[in-house]
Protein backbone atom coordinates (compact mmCIF):
# COMPACT_ATOMS: atom_id res chain seq x y z
CA GLN A 1 -19.58 -0.42 -4.19
CA VAL A 2 -16.15 0.65 -4.50
CA GLN A 3 -13.85 -1.74 -3.48
CA LEU A 4 -10.26 -2.20 -3.02
CA VAL A 5 -8.45 -5.65 -3.87
CA GLU A 6 -4.61 -5.89 -2.89
CA SER A 7 -2.01 -8.86 -3.97
CA GLY A 8 1.85 -9.24 -4.10
CA GLY A 9 2.36 -10.01 -1.12
CA GLY A 10 4.54 -13.20 0.02
CA LEU A 11 7.30 -14.66 2.01
CA VAL A 12 10.48 -13.38 1.14
CA GLN A 13 13.98 -13.05 2.71
CA PRO A 14 15.84 -9.99 3.95
CA GLY A 15 16.78 -7.92 1.39
CA GLY A 16 14.52 -9.38 -1.20
CA SER A 17 11.69 -7.39 -2.71
CA LEU A 18 8.09 -7.53 -3.79
CA ARG A 19 5.80 -5.42 -5.25
CA LEU A 20 2.01 -5.14 -3.95
CA SER A 21 -0.80 -3.94 -6.11
CA CYS A 22 -3.95 -2.49 -5.45
CA THR A 23 -6.79 -2.55 -8.17
CA ALA A 24 -9.56 -0.31 -7.36
CA SER A 25 -13.62 -0.35 -9.05
CA GLN A 26 -16.83 1.52 -8.98
CA ILE A 27 -14.33 4.42 -8.97
CA ASP A 28 -13.36 7.91 -10.54
CA PHE A 29 -10.00 6.64 -9.74
CA ILE A 30 -8.01 9.74 -11.38
CA LEU A 31 -9.47 11.84 -8.68
CA TYR A 32 -8.33 10.40 -5.46
CA GLY A 33 -5.28 10.03 -3.41
CA LEU A 34 -4.36 6.41 -2.11
CA ASN A 35 -2.24 5.11 0.53
CA TRP A 36 -0.84 2.18 1.66
CA TYR A 37 -0.94 1.39 5.13
CA ARG A 38 0.35 -1.48 7.48
CA GLN A 39 -0.40 -3.70 10.76
CA THR A 40 0.79 -5.80 12.94
CA PRO A 41 -0.19 -7.59 15.99
CA ARG A 42 1.35 -5.32 18.20
CA LYS A 43 0.98 -2.25 16.33
CA GLN A 44 -1.08 -0.07 14.98
CA ARG A 45 -2.11 0.52 11.61
CA GLU A 46 0.50 2.70 10.12
CA LEU A 47 0.53 5.00 7.25
CA VAL A 48 3.50 3.52 5.26
CA ALA A 49 3.08 5.45 2.38
CA GLU A 50 0.31 8.03 0.50
CA ILE A 51 -0.09 9.33 -3.55
CA THR A 52 -2.35 11.82 -4.13
CA SER A 53 -4.37 12.64 -6.95
CA ASP A 54 -1.67 14.42 -8.85
CA ASP A 55 1.36 12.14 -8.00
CA THR A 56 2.33 13.85 -4.66
CA THR A 57 3.99 11.54 -2.72
CA ASN A 58 4.98 11.16 0.63
CA TYR A 59 7.15 7.96 2.68
CA VAL A 60 6.91 7.74 6.91
CA ASP A 61 11.15 7.40 7.56
CA SER A 62 11.02 3.84 8.08
CA VAL A 63 10.57 3.10 4.66
CA LYS A 64 12.29 6.70 2.56
CA GLY A 65 14.83 5.11 -0.25
CA ARG A 66 13.30 1.40 -0.09
CA PHE A 67 9.74 1.58 -1.15
CA THR A 68 8.69 3.49 -3.86
CA ILE A 69 4.60 3.86 -4.08
CA SER A 70 3.07 4.70 -8.16
CA ARG A 71 -0.26 4.22 -9.34
CA ASP A 72 -1.38 3.76 -13.13
CA ASN A 73 -5.09 5.45 -13.47
CA SER A 74 -5.57 3.15 -16.55
CA LYS A 75 -5.50 0.05 -14.57
CA ASN A 76 -7.36 1.58 -11.75
CA THR A 77 -3.84 0.31 -9.81
CA VAL A 78 -1.82 1.59 -6.92
CA TYR A 79 1.66 -0.03 -6.28
CA LEU A 80 4.06 -0.24 -3.61
CA GLN A 81 7.51 -1.28 -4.57
CA MET A 82 9.18 -2.31 -1.55
CA ASN A 83 13.38 -3.22 -1.86
CA ASN A 84 15.50 -3.98 0.61
CA LEU A 85 12.83 -5.51 3.00
CA LYS A 86 13.60 -5.85 6.53
CA PRO A 87 11.70 -8.06 9.03
CA GLU A 88 10.67 -5.16 10.53
CA ASP A 89 8.79 -4.82 7.20
CA THR A 90 6.46 -7.51 8.40
CA ALA A 91 3.01 -6.76 8.85
CA VAL A 92 -0.25 -7.11 6.66
CA TYR A 93 -0.36 -4.43 4.01
CA TYR A 94 -3.59 -2.47 3.48
CA CYS A 95 -4.40 0.02 0.82
CA ASN A 96 -7.60 2.76 0.87
CA VAL A 97 -9.00 5.80 -0.43
CA ARG A 98 -10.34 8.39 1.39
CA LEU A 99 -13.66 9.29 -0.42
CA GLY A 100 -14.97 12.07 1.65
CA PRO A 101 -14.84 13.34 5.18
CA TYR A 102 -16.80 10.12 6.42
CA SER A 103 -15.85 7.65 4.05
CA VAL A 104 -13.17 5.43 3.89
CA VAL A 105 -12.55 2.64 2.18
CA TRP A 106 -10.06 -0.32 2.64
CA GLY A 107 -9.20 -3.42 0.78
CA GLN A 108 -8.92 -6.97 2.84
CA GLY A 109 -4.94 -6.54 2.90
CA THR A 110 -2.31 -8.81 1.81
CA GLN A 111 0.58 -10.70 4.27
CA VAL A 112 4.01 -9.74 3.89
CA THR A 113 6.45 -11.61 5.88
CA VAL A 114 10.26 -10.77 5.78
CA SER A 115 12.34 -13.96 6.85
CA SER A 116 14.94 -16.33 6.32
């Protein structure tokens, strides 16, 4: 069974940085694209960044120039480097992988709080 485990969240001041990690198991990692989403109580889950199997990346406009998604296939891990964090980045961050048209696996989420 495919599992995704996120880590790296925490409390940071505005302007600070965090790096999130998401490690996958029971998957041929190199074959799949991976995504980072975030969710707050007031908003629907939002796609923040995605990286394809050939390392093409895309970002939501609100994080362009501040966030960077990357992957290390040797470690089955996808990262989200978040710089110049803002209070509106506060959310639970999730990684996911789409295994097929009807199969999506989510991690358990990691809380990011940006506050002074």
